[in-house]
Amino acid sequence: MARFASFREFYPYYLGEHRNRTSRRLHFIGSCGALAFAVVALVTGNAWWLLAALACGYALAWVGHVFFEKNRPATFRHPLYSFAGDWVMFRDILAGRIRF
């Protein structure tokens, strides 16, 4: 298992695990769904929606890894860096730095 001294060192590895465009799209859509469920949780005051947010985000991302990337999600080896990587990649897709 690779060790990373910082997120800056991890992120290129993370992007390498997300080369497939369909997988990136699934990650992006899952993140949008997670944000929507988080907003519902805030509006309703019902924290159970946060579980839906996690389920939505991770389920679509893992489908991308299993069926399109054919690799194991970095979540299992580097959970915090992977979570951060999801949101940095989301931002980079929105900014046009990564192809959607």
PDB file of N, CA and C in Angstrom:
ATOM      1  N   MET A   1       0.846  -1.171   0.000  1.00  0.00           N
ATOM      2  CA  MET A   1       0.000   0.000   0.000  1.00  0.00           C
ATOM      3  C   MET A   1       0.896   1.240   0.000  1.00  0.00           C
ATOM      4  N   ALA A   2       0.614   2.140  -0.921  1.00  0.00           N
ATOM      5  CA  ALA A   2       1.402   3.361  -1.034  1.00  0.00           C
ATOM      6  C   ALA A   2       1.137   4.280   0.155  1.00  0.00           C
ATOM      7  N   ARG A   3       2.158   4.973   0.578  1.00  0.00           N
ATOM      8  CA  ARG A   3       2.038   5.958   1.658  1.00  0.00           C
ATOM      9  C   ARG A   3       2.219   7.346   1.041  1.00  0.00           C
ATOM     10  N   PHE A   4       1.451   8.269   1.540  1.00  0.00           N
ATOM     11  CA  PHE A   4       1.516   9.640   1.037  1.00  0.00           C
ATOM     12  C   PHE A   4       1.759  10.572   2.204  1.00  0.00           C
ATOM     13  N   ALA A   5       2.696  11.480   2.015  1.00  0.00           N
ATOM     14  CA  ALA A   5       3.056  12.420   3.076  1.00  0.00           C
ATOM     15  C   ALA A   5       2.064  13.576   3.173  1.00  0.00           C
ATOM     16  N   SER A   6       1.307  13.812   2.101  1.00  0.00           N
ATOM     17  CA  SER A   6       0.375  14.937   2.086  1.00  0.00           C
ATOM     18  C   SER A   6      -0.714  14.687   1.049  1.00  0.00           C
ATOM     19  N   PHE A   7      -1.763  15.484   1.131  1.00  0.00           N
ATOM     20  CA  PHE A   7      -2.813  15.387   0.128  1.00  0.00           C
ATOM     21  C   PHE A   7      -2.272  15.798  -1.236  1.00  0.00           C
ATOM     22  N   ARG A   8      -1.409  16.772  -1.258  1.00  0.00           N
ATOM     23  CA  ARG A   8      -0.805  17.226  -2.520  1.00  0.00           C
ATOM     24  C   ARG A   8      -0.091  16.069  -3.225  1.00  0.00           C
ATOM     25  N   GLU A   9       0.517  15.215  -2.469  1.00  0.00           N
ATOM     26  CA  GLU A   9       1.192  14.042  -3.015  1.00  0.00           C
ATOM     27  C   GLU A   9       0.168  12.971  -3.434  1.00  0.00           C
ATOM     28  N   PHE A  10      -0.921  12.870  -2.710  1.00  0.00           N
ATOM     29  CA  PHE A  10      -1.949  11.860  -2.971  1.00  0.00           C
ATOM     30  C   PHE A  10      -2.789  12.172  -4.201  1.00  0.00           C
ATOM     31  N   TYR A  11      -3.110  13.436  -4.446  1.00  0.00           N
ATOM     32  CA  TYR A  11      -4.086  13.802  -5.474  1.00  0.00           C
ATOM     33  C   TYR A  11      -3.718  13.312  -6.875  1.00  0.00           C
ATOM     34  N   PRO A  12      -2.477  13.401  -7.326  1.00  0.00           N
ATOM     35  CA  PRO A  12      -2.163  12.823  -8.643  1.00  0.00           C
ATOM     36  C   PRO A  12      -2.445  11.314  -8.708  1.00  0.00           C
ATOM     37  N   TYR A  13      -2.164  10.610  -7.623  1.00  0.00           N
ATOM     38  CA  TYR A  13      -2.496   9.190  -7.554  1.00  0.00           C
ATOM     39  C   TYR A  13      -4.015   9.011  -7.669  1.00  0.00           C
ATOM     40  N   TYR A  14      -4.759   9.819  -6.940  1.00  0.00           N
ATOM     41  CA  TYR A  14      -6.216   9.769  -6.961  1.00  0.00           C
ATOM     42  C   TYR A  14      -6.749   9.974  -8.381  1.00  0.00           C
ATOM     43  N   LEU A  15      -6.228  10.969  -9.067  1.00  0.00           N
ATOM     44  CA  LEU A  15      -6.660  11.229 -10.444  1.00  0.00           C
ATOM     45  C   LEU A  15      -6.324  10.053 -11.360  1.00  0.00           C
ATOM     46  N   GLY A  16      -5.200   9.415 -11.114  1.00  0.00           N
ATOM     47  CA  GLY A  16      -4.826   8.237 -11.896  1.00  0.00           C
ATOM     48  C   GLY A  16      -5.794   7.081 -11.713  1.00  0.00           C
ATOM     49  N   GLU A  17      -6.456   7.041 -10.579  1.00  0.00           N
ATOM     50  CA  GLU A  17      -7.456   6.005 -10.307  1.00  0.00           C
ATOM     51  C   GLU A  17      -8.820   6.374 -10.892  1.00  0.00           C
ATOM     52  N   HIS A  18      -8.904   7.544 -11.532  1.00  0.00           N
ATOM     53  CA  HIS A  18     -10.165   8.043 -12.104  1.00  0.00           C
ATOM     54  C   HIS A  18      -9.952   8.474 -13.555  1.00  0.00           C
ATOM     55  N   ARG A  19      -9.343   7.635 -14.337  1.00  0.00           N
ATOM     56  CA  ARG A  19      -9.075   7.963 -15.743  1.00  0.00           C
ATOM     57  C   ARG A  19     -10.311   7.806 -16.621  1.00  0.00           C
ATOM     58  N   ASN A  20     -11.215   6.913 -16.233  1.00  0.00           N
ATOM     59  CA  ASN A  20     -12.387   6.622 -17.038  1.00  0.00           C
ATOM     60  C   ASN A  20     -13.420   7.746 -16.903  1.00  0.00           C
ATOM     61  N   ARG A  21     -13.844   8.270 -18.041  1.00  0.00           N
ATOM     62  CA  ARG A  21     -14.763   9.409 -18.047  1.00  0.00           C
ATOM     63  C   ARG A  21     -16.113   9.066 -17.413  1.00  0.00           C
ATOM     64  N   THR A  22     -16.631   7.881 -17.676  1.00  0.00           N
ATOM     65  CA  THR A  22     -17.910   7.482 -17.083  1.00  0.00           C
ATOM     66  C   THR A  22     -17.795   7.407 -15.564  1.00  0.00           C
ATOM     67  N   SER A  23     -16.693   6.902 -15.087  1.00  0.00           N
ATOM     68  CA  SER A  23     -16.468   6.830 -13.645  1.00  0.00           C
ATOM     69  C   SER A  23     -16.440   8.232 -13.031  1.00  0.00           C
ATOM     70  N   ARG A  24     -15.745   9.149 -13.682  1.00  0.00           N
ATOM     71  CA  ARG A  24     -15.710  10.534 -13.178  1.00  0.00           C
ATOM     72  C   ARG A  24     -17.111  11.139 -13.171  1.00  0.00           C
ATOM     73  N   ARG A  25     -17.884  10.836 -14.203  1.00  0.00           N
ATOM     74  CA  ARG A  25     -19.254  11.352 -14.260  1.00  0.00           C
ATOM     75  C   ARG A  25     -20.091  10.789 -13.118  1.00  0.00           C
ATOM     76  N   LEU A  26     -19.935   9.507 -12.842  1.00  0.00           N
ATOM     77  CA  LEU A  26     -20.673   8.906 -11.732  1.00  0.00           C
ATOM     78  C   LEU A  26     -20.265   9.538 -10.405  1.00  0.00           C
ATOM     79  N   HIS A  27     -18.970   9.803 -10.233  1.00  0.00           N
ATOM     80  CA  HIS A  27     -18.504  10.483  -9.017  1.00  0.00           C
ATOM     81  C   HIS A  27     -19.158  11.867  -8.913  1.00  0.00           C
ATOM     82  N   PHE A  28     -19.166  12.594 -10.001  1.00  0.00           N
ATOM     83  CA  PHE A  28     -19.712  13.949 -10.009  1.00  0.00           C
ATOM     84  C   PHE A  28     -21.205  13.936  -9.690  1.00  0.00           C
ATOM     85  N   ILE A  29     -21.954  13.037 -10.328  1.00  0.00           N
ATOM     86  CA  ILE A  29     -23.391  12.939 -10.088  1.00  0.00           C
ATOM     87  C   ILE A  29     -23.657  12.517  -8.643  1.00  0.00           C
ATOM     88  N   GLY A  30     -22.865  11.577  -8.134  1.00  0.00           N
ATOM     89  CA  GLY A  30     -22.999  11.163  -6.740  1.00  0.00           C
ATOM     90  C   GLY A  30     -22.737  12.313  -5.778  1.00  0.00           C
ATOM     91  N   SER A  31     -21.750  13.128  -6.097  1.00  0.00           N
ATOM     92  CA  SER A  31     -21.458  14.291  -5.250  1.00  0.00           C
ATOM     93  C   SER A  31     -22.593  15.308  -5.297  1.00  0.00           C
ATOM     94  N   CYS A  32     -23.184  15.508  -6.478  1.00  0.00           N
ATOM     95  CA  CYS A  32     -24.338  16.414  -6.588  1.00  0.00           C
ATOM     96  C   CYS A  32     -25.494  15.892  -5.740  1.00  0.00           C
ATOM     97  N   GLY A  33     -25.741  14.595  -5.828  1.00  0.00           N
ATOM     98  CA  GLY A  33     -26.802  13.988  -5.013  1.00  0.00           C
ATOM     99  C   GLY A  33     -26.511  14.126  -3.530  1.00  0.00           C
ATOM    100  N   ALA A  34     -25.251  13.919  -3.156  1.00  0.00           N
ATOM    101  CA  ALA A  34     -24.864  14.054  -1.747  1.00  0.00           C
ATOM    102  C   ALA A  34     -25.100  15.475  -1.257  1.00  0.00           C
ATOM    103  N   LEU A  35     -24.759  16.455  -2.071  1.00  0.00           N
ATOM    104  CA  LEU A  35     -25.011  17.848  -1.693  1.00  0.00           C
ATOM    105  C   LEU A  35     -26.507  18.111  -1.543  1.00  0.00           C
ATOM    106  N   ALA A  36     -27.306  17.576  -2.460  1.00  0.00           N
ATOM    107  CA  ALA A  36     -28.759  17.772  -2.390  1.00  0.00           C
ATOM    108  C   ALA A  36     -29.327  17.156  -1.111  1.00  0.00           C
ATOM    109  N   PHE A  37     -28.899  15.945  -0.776  1.00  0.00           N
ATOM    110  CA  PHE A  37     -29.382  15.312   0.456  1.00  0.00           C
ATOM    111  C   PHE A  37     -28.905  16.068   1.695  1.00  0.00           C
ATOM    112  N   ALA A  38     -27.710  16.624   1.646  1.00  0.00           N
ATOM    113  CA  ALA A  38     -27.220  17.413   2.781  1.00  0.00           C
ATOM    114  C   ALA A  38     -28.071  18.668   2.972  1.00  0.00           C
ATOM    115  N   VAL A  39     -28.474  19.278   1.872  1.00  0.00           N
ATOM    116  CA  VAL A  39     -29.359  20.450   1.960  1.00  0.00           C
ATOM    117  C   VAL A  39     -30.709  20.044   2.557  1.00  0.00           C
ATOM    118  N   VAL A  40     -31.237  18.901   2.118  1.00  0.00           N
ATOM    119  CA  VAL A  40     -32.504  18.415   2.678  1.00  0.00           C
ATOM    120  C   VAL A  40     -32.352  18.196   4.184  1.00  0.00           C
ATOM    121  N   ALA A  41     -31.220  17.638   4.595  1.00  0.00           N
ATOM    122  CA  ALA A  41     -30.975  17.423   6.028  1.00  0.00           C
ATOM    123  C   ALA A  41     -31.002  18.746   6.792  1.00  0.00           C
ATOM    124  N   LEU A  42     -30.378  19.769   6.216  1.00  0.00           N
ATOM    125  CA  LEU A  42     -30.369  21.085   6.866  1.00  0.00           C
ATOM    126  C   LEU A  42     -31.760  21.708   6.910  1.00  0.00           C
ATOM    127  N   VAL A  43     -32.482  21.619   5.812  1.00  0.00           N
ATOM    128  CA  VAL A  43     -33.804  22.249   5.728  1.00  0.00           C
ATOM    129  C   VAL A  43     -34.807  21.555   6.648  1.00  0.00           C
ATOM    130  N   THR A  44     -34.767  20.233   6.678  1.00  0.00           N
ATOM    131  CA  THR A  44     -35.740  19.482   7.478  1.00  0.00           C
ATOM    132  C   THR A  44     -35.298  19.293   8.920  1.00  0.00           C
ATOM    133  N   GLY A  45     -34.008  19.479   9.179  1.00  0.00           N
ATOM    134  CA  GLY A  45     -33.494  19.226  10.516  1.00  0.00           C
ATOM    135  C   GLY A  45     -33.405  17.740  10.839  1.00  0.00           C
ATOM    136  N   ASN A  46     -33.497  16.916   9.821  1.00  0.00           N
ATOM    137  CA  ASN A  46     -33.467  15.468   9.988  1.00  0.00           C
ATOM    138  C   ASN A  46     -32.113  14.931   9.544  1.00  0.00           C
ATOM    139  N   ALA A  47     -31.301  14.543  10.502  1.00  0.00           N
ATOM    140  CA  ALA A  47     -29.933  14.099  10.217  1.00  0.00           C
ATOM    141  C   ALA A  47     -29.877  12.778   9.446  1.00  0.00           C
ATOM    142  N   TRP A  48     -30.984  12.039   9.403  1.00  0.00           N
ATOM    143  CA  TRP A  48     -30.992  10.782   8.638  1.00  0.00           C
ATOM    144  C   TRP A  48     -30.698  11.017   7.161  1.00  0.00           C
ATOM    145  N   TRP A  49     -31.017  12.194   6.652  1.00  0.00           N
ATOM    146  CA  TRP A  49     -30.720  12.517   5.264  1.00  0.00           C
ATOM    147  C   TRP A  49     -29.216  12.532   4.999  1.00  0.00           C
ATOM    148  N   LEU A  50     -28.423  12.740   6.044  1.00  0.00           N
ATOM    149  CA  LEU A  50     -26.967  12.703   5.864  1.00  0.00           C
ATOM    150  C   LEU A  50     -26.500  11.295   5.512  1.00  0.00           C
ATOM    151  N   LEU A  51     -27.192  10.289   6.027  1.00  0.00           N
ATOM    152  CA  LEU A  51     -26.882   8.909   5.614  1.00  0.00           C
ATOM    153  C   LEU A  51     -27.205   8.702   4.141  1.00  0.00           C
ATOM    154  N   ALA A  52     -28.293   9.287   3.695  1.00  0.00           N
ATOM    155  CA  ALA A  52     -28.637   9.214   2.275  1.00  0.00           C
ATOM    156  C   ALA A  52     -27.573   9.915   1.430  1.00  0.00           C
ATOM    157  N   ALA A  53     -27.048  11.010   1.948  1.00  0.00           N
ATOM    158  CA  ALA A  53     -25.986  11.732   1.236  1.00  0.00           C
ATOM    159  C   ALA A  53     -24.754  10.845   1.074  1.00  0.00           C
ATOM    160  N   LEU A  54     -24.340  10.216   2.153  1.00  0.00           N
ATOM    161  CA  LEU A  54     -23.182   9.316   2.073  1.00  0.00           C
ATOM    162  C   LEU A  54     -23.447   8.147   1.140  1.00  0.00           C
ATOM    163  N   ALA A  55     -24.624   7.549   1.260  1.00  0.00           N
ATOM    164  CA  ALA A  55     -24.965   6.399   0.420  1.00  0.00           C
ATOM    165  C   ALA A  55     -24.971   6.778  -1.054  1.00  0.00           C
ATOM    166  N   CYS A  56     -25.551   7.904  -1.376  1.00  0.00           N
ATOM    167  CA  CYS A  56     -25.619   8.359  -2.764  1.00  0.00           C
ATOM    168  C   CYS A  56     -24.221   8.590  -3.332  1.00  0.00           C
ATOM    169  N   GLY A  57     -23.421   9.341  -2.609  1.00  0.00           N
ATOM    170  CA  GLY A  57     -22.072   9.661  -3.085  1.00  0.00           C
ATOM    171  C   GLY A  57     -21.210   8.429  -3.258  1.00  0.00           C
ATOM    172  N   TYR A  58     -21.175   7.592  -2.246  1.00  0.00           N
ATOM    173  CA  TYR A  58     -20.301   6.417  -2.312  1.00  0.00           C
ATOM    174  C   TYR A  58     -20.826   5.348  -3.251  1.00  0.00           C
ATOM    175  N   ALA A  59     -22.135   5.137  -3.300  1.00  0.00           N
ATOM    176  CA  ALA A  59     -22.677   4.085  -4.163  1.00  0.00           C
ATOM    177  C   ALA A  59     -22.337   4.346  -5.629  1.00  0.00           C
ATOM    178  N   LEU A  60     -22.566   5.561  -6.084  1.00  0.00           N
ATOM    179  CA  LEU A  60     -22.262   5.857  -7.487  1.00  0.00           C
ATOM    180  C   LEU A  60     -20.765   5.810  -7.766  1.00  0.00           C
ATOM    181  N   ALA A  61     -19.974   6.290  -6.833  1.00  0.00           N
ATOM    182  CA  ALA A  61     -18.520   6.247  -7.014  1.00  0.00           C
ATOM    183  C   ALA A  61     -18.032   4.799  -7.098  1.00  0.00           C
ATOM    184  N   TRP A  62     -18.530   3.946  -6.228  1.00  0.00           N
ATOM    185  CA  TRP A  62     -18.083   2.553  -6.227  1.00  0.00           C
ATOM    186  C   TRP A  62     -18.542   1.811  -7.473  1.00  0.00           C
ATOM    187  N   VAL A  63     -19.723   2.147  -7.988  1.00  0.00           N
ATOM    188  CA  VAL A  63     -20.157   1.571  -9.264  1.00  0.00           C
ATOM    189  C   VAL A  63     -19.153   1.945 -10.353  1.00  0.00           C
ATOM    190  N   GLY A  64     -18.714   3.191 -10.332  1.00  0.00           N
ATOM    191  CA  GLY A  64     -17.713   3.638 -11.305  1.00  0.00           C
ATOM    192  C   GLY A  64     -16.425   2.850 -11.216  1.00  0.00           C
ATOM    193  N   HIS A  65     -15.995   2.569 -10.006  1.00  0.00           N
ATOM    194  CA  HIS A  65     -14.753   1.815  -9.840  1.00  0.00           C
ATOM    195  C   HIS A  65     -14.914   0.356 -10.262  1.00  0.00           C
ATOM    196  N   VAL A  66     -15.991  -0.270  -9.843  1.00  0.00           N
ATOM    197  CA  VAL A  66     -16.173  -1.699 -10.124  1.00  0.00           C
ATOM    198  C   VAL A  66     -16.385  -1.951 -11.610  1.00  0.00           C
ATOM    199  N   PHE A  67     -17.258  -1.178 -12.247  1.00  0.00           N
ATOM    200  CA  PHE A  67     -17.655  -1.482 -13.614  1.00  0.00           C
ATOM    201  C   PHE A  67     -16.877  -0.732 -14.693  1.00  0.00           C
ATOM    202  N   PHE A  68     -16.278   0.390 -14.363  1.00  0.00           N
ATOM    203  CA  PHE A  68     -15.609   1.181 -15.395  1.00  0.00           C
ATOM    204  C   PHE A  68     -14.105   1.309 -15.181  1.00  0.00           C
ATOM    205  N   GLU A  69     -13.686   1.602 -13.977  1.00  0.00           N
ATOM    206  CA  GLU A  69     -12.251   1.714 -13.694  1.00  0.00           C
ATOM    207  C   GLU A  69     -11.605   0.343 -13.521  1.00  0.00           C
ATOM    208  N   LYS A  70     -12.391  -0.611 -13.033  1.00  0.00           N
ATOM    209  CA  LYS A  70     -11.887  -1.962 -12.737  1.00  0.00           C
ATOM    210  C   LYS A  70     -10.766  -1.909 -11.695  1.00  0.00           C
ATOM    211  N   ASN A  71     -10.973  -1.066 -10.686  1.00  0.00           N
ATOM    212  CA  ASN A  71     -10.006  -0.980  -9.595  1.00  0.00           C
ATOM    213  C   ASN A  71     -10.744  -0.860  -8.266  1.00  0.00           C
ATOM    214  N   ARG A  72      -9.999  -0.917  -7.215  1.00  0.00           N
ATOM    215  CA  ARG A  72     -10.574  -0.820  -5.868  1.00  0.00           C
ATOM    216  C   ARG A  72     -10.563   0.646  -5.436  1.00  0.00           C
ATOM    217  N   PRO A  73     -11.698   1.149  -4.938  1.00  0.00           N
ATOM    218  CA  PRO A  73     -11.741   2.551  -4.529  1.00  0.00           C
ATOM    219  C   PRO A  73     -10.666   2.882  -3.489  1.00  0.00           C
ATOM    220  N   ALA A  74     -10.075   4.054  -3.627  1.00  0.00           N
ATOM    221  CA  ALA A  74      -9.056   4.512  -2.682  1.00  0.00           C
ATOM    222  C   ALA A  74      -9.634   4.725  -1.286  1.00  0.00           C
ATOM    223  N   THR A  75     -10.953   4.772  -1.186  1.00  0.00           N
ATOM    224  CA  THR A  75     -11.631   4.953   0.104  1.00  0.00           C
ATOM    225  C   THR A  75     -11.177   3.917   1.121  1.00  0.00           C
ATOM    226  N   PHE A  76     -10.941   2.698   0.658  1.00  0.00           N
ATOM    227  CA  PHE A  76     -10.591   1.612   1.565  1.00  0.00           C
ATOM    228  C   PHE A  76      -9.163   1.719   2.096  1.00  0.00           C
ATOM    229  N   ARG A  77      -8.280   2.341   1.326  1.00  0.00           N
ATOM    230  CA  ARG A  77      -6.879   2.454   1.744  1.00  0.00           C
ATOM    231  C   ARG A  77      -6.555   3.820   2.330  1.00  0.00           C
ATOM    232  N   HIS A  78      -7.205   4.851   1.814  1.00  0.00           N
ATOM    233  CA  HIS A  78      -6.920   6.240   2.213  1.00  0.00           C
ATOM    234  C   HIS A  78      -8.239   6.999   2.368  1.00  0.00           C
ATOM    235  N   PRO A  79      -9.020   6.686   3.391  1.00  0.00           N
ATOM    236  CA  PRO A  79     -10.377   7.245   3.473  1.00  0.00           C
ATOM    237  C   PRO A  79     -10.450   8.767   3.538  1.00  0.00           C
ATOM    238  N   LEU A  80      -9.605   9.403   4.306  1.00  0.00           N
ATOM    239  CA  LEU A  80      -9.692  10.870   4.431  1.00  0.00           C
ATOM    240  C   LEU A  80      -9.200  11.570   3.170  1.00  0.00           C
ATOM    241  N   TYR A  81      -8.065  11.129   2.655  1.00  0.00           N
ATOM    242  CA  TYR A  81      -7.558  11.721   1.414  1.00  0.00           C
ATOM    243  C   TYR A  81      -8.519  11.456   0.258  1.00  0.00           C
ATOM    244  N   SER A  82      -9.120  10.289   0.231  1.00  0.00           N
ATOM    245  CA  SER A  82     -10.062   9.951  -0.824  1.00  0.00           C
ATOM    246  C   SER A  82     -11.296  10.843  -0.762  1.00  0.00           C
ATOM    247  N   PHE A  83     -11.826  11.055   0.433  1.00  0.00           N
ATOM    248  CA  PHE A  83     -12.981  11.936   0.607  1.00  0.00           C
ATOM    249  C   PHE A  83     -12.644  13.344   0.123  1.00  0.00           C
ATOM    250  N   ALA A  84     -11.481  13.829   0.520  1.00  0.00           N
ATOM    251  CA  ALA A  84     -11.046  15.155   0.066  1.00  0.00           C
ATOM    252  C   ALA A  84     -10.847  15.161  -1.448  1.00  0.00           C
ATOM    253  N   GLY A  85     -10.276  14.080  -1.981  1.00  0.00           N
ATOM    254  CA  GLY A  85     -10.057  13.982  -3.424  1.00  0.00           C
ATOM    255  C   GLY A  85     -11.350  14.052  -4.212  1.00  0.00           C
ATOM    256  N   ASP A  86     -12.413  13.439  -3.688  1.00  0.00           N
ATOM    257  CA  ASP A  86     -13.714  13.512  -4.355  1.00  0.00           C
ATOM    258  C   ASP A  86     -14.141  14.965  -4.544  1.00  0.00           C
ATOM    259  N   TRP A  87     -13.982  15.747  -3.494  1.00  0.00           N
ATOM    260  CA  TRP A  87     -14.456  17.133  -3.561  1.00  0.00           C
ATOM    261  C   TRP A  87     -13.517  18.032  -4.363  1.00  0.00           C
ATOM    262  N   VAL A  88     -12.231  17.747  -4.336  1.00  0.00           N
ATOM    263  CA  VAL A  88     -11.305  18.525  -5.165  1.00  0.00           C
ATOM    264  C   VAL A  88     -11.548  18.193  -6.637  1.00  0.00           C
ATOM    265  N   MET A  89     -11.765  16.911  -6.951  1.00  0.00           N
ATOM    266  CA  MET A  89     -12.067  16.538  -8.331  1.00  0.00           C
ATOM    267  C   MET A  89     -13.399  17.163  -8.759  1.00  0.00           C
ATOM    268  N   PHE A  90     -14.388  17.180  -7.881  1.00  0.00           N
ATOM    269  CA  PHE A  90     -15.676  17.827  -8.155  1.00  0.00           C
ATOM    270  C   PHE A  90     -15.447  19.288  -8.537  1.00  0.00           C
ATOM    271  N   ARG A  91     -14.656  19.980  -7.717  1.00  0.00           N
ATOM    272  CA  ARG A  91     -14.340  21.393  -7.999  1.00  0.00           C
ATOM    273  C   ARG A  91     -13.601  21.545  -9.324  1.00  0.00           C
ATOM    274  N   ASP A  92     -12.646  20.646  -9.574  1.00  0.00           N
ATOM    275  CA  ASP A  92     -11.865  20.726 -10.814  1.00  0.00           C
ATOM    276  C   ASP A  92     -12.731  20.450 -12.050  1.00  0.00           C
ATOM    277  N   ILE A  93     -13.723  19.578 -11.911  1.00  0.00           N
ATOM    278  CA  ILE A  93     -14.653  19.347 -13.020  1.00  0.00           C
ATOM    279  C   ILE A  93     -15.494  20.602 -13.244  1.00  0.00           C
ATOM    280  N   LEU A  94     -16.012  21.186 -12.170  1.00  0.00           N
ATOM    281  CA  LEU A  94     -16.798  22.418 -12.291  1.00  0.00           C
ATOM    282  C   LEU A  94     -15.982  23.541 -12.931  1.00  0.00           C
ATOM    283  N   ALA A  95     -14.713  23.611 -12.582  1.00  0.00           N
ATOM    284  CA  ALA A  95     -13.841  24.679 -13.104  1.00  0.00           C
ATOM    285  C   ALA A  95     -13.353  24.387 -14.518  1.00  0.00           C
ATOM    286  N   GLY A  96     -13.620  23.186 -15.028  1.00  0.00           N
ATOM    287  CA  GLY A  96     -13.184  22.840 -16.380  1.00  0.00           C
ATOM    288  C   GLY A  96     -11.757  22.344 -16.466  1.00  0.00           C
ATOM    289  N   ARG A  97     -11.115  22.091 -15.329  1.00  0.00           N
ATOM    290  CA  ARG A  97      -9.742  21.586 -15.342  1.00  0.00           C
ATOM    291  C   ARG A  97      -9.686  20.081 -15.621  1.00  0.00           C
ATOM    292  N   ILE A  98     -10.791  19.407 -15.343  1.00  0.00           N
ATOM    293  CA  ILE A  98     -10.903  17.978 -15.629  1.00  0.00           C
ATOM    294  C   ILE A  98     -12.113  17.790 -16.516  1.00  0.00           C
ATOM    295  N   ARG A  99     -11.937  16.993 -17.565  1.00  0.00           N
ATOM    296  CA  ARG A  99     -13.007  16.769 -18.538  1.00  0.00           C
ATOM    297  C   ARG A  99     -14.152  15.985 -17.910  1.00  0.00           C
ATOM    298  N   PHE A 100     -15.378  16.465 -18.127  1.00  0.00           N
ATOM    299  CA  PHE A 100     -16.571  15.801 -17.599  1.00  0.00           C
ATOM    300  C   PHE A 100     -17.056  14.770 -18.560  1.00  0.00           C
TER     301      PHE A 100
END
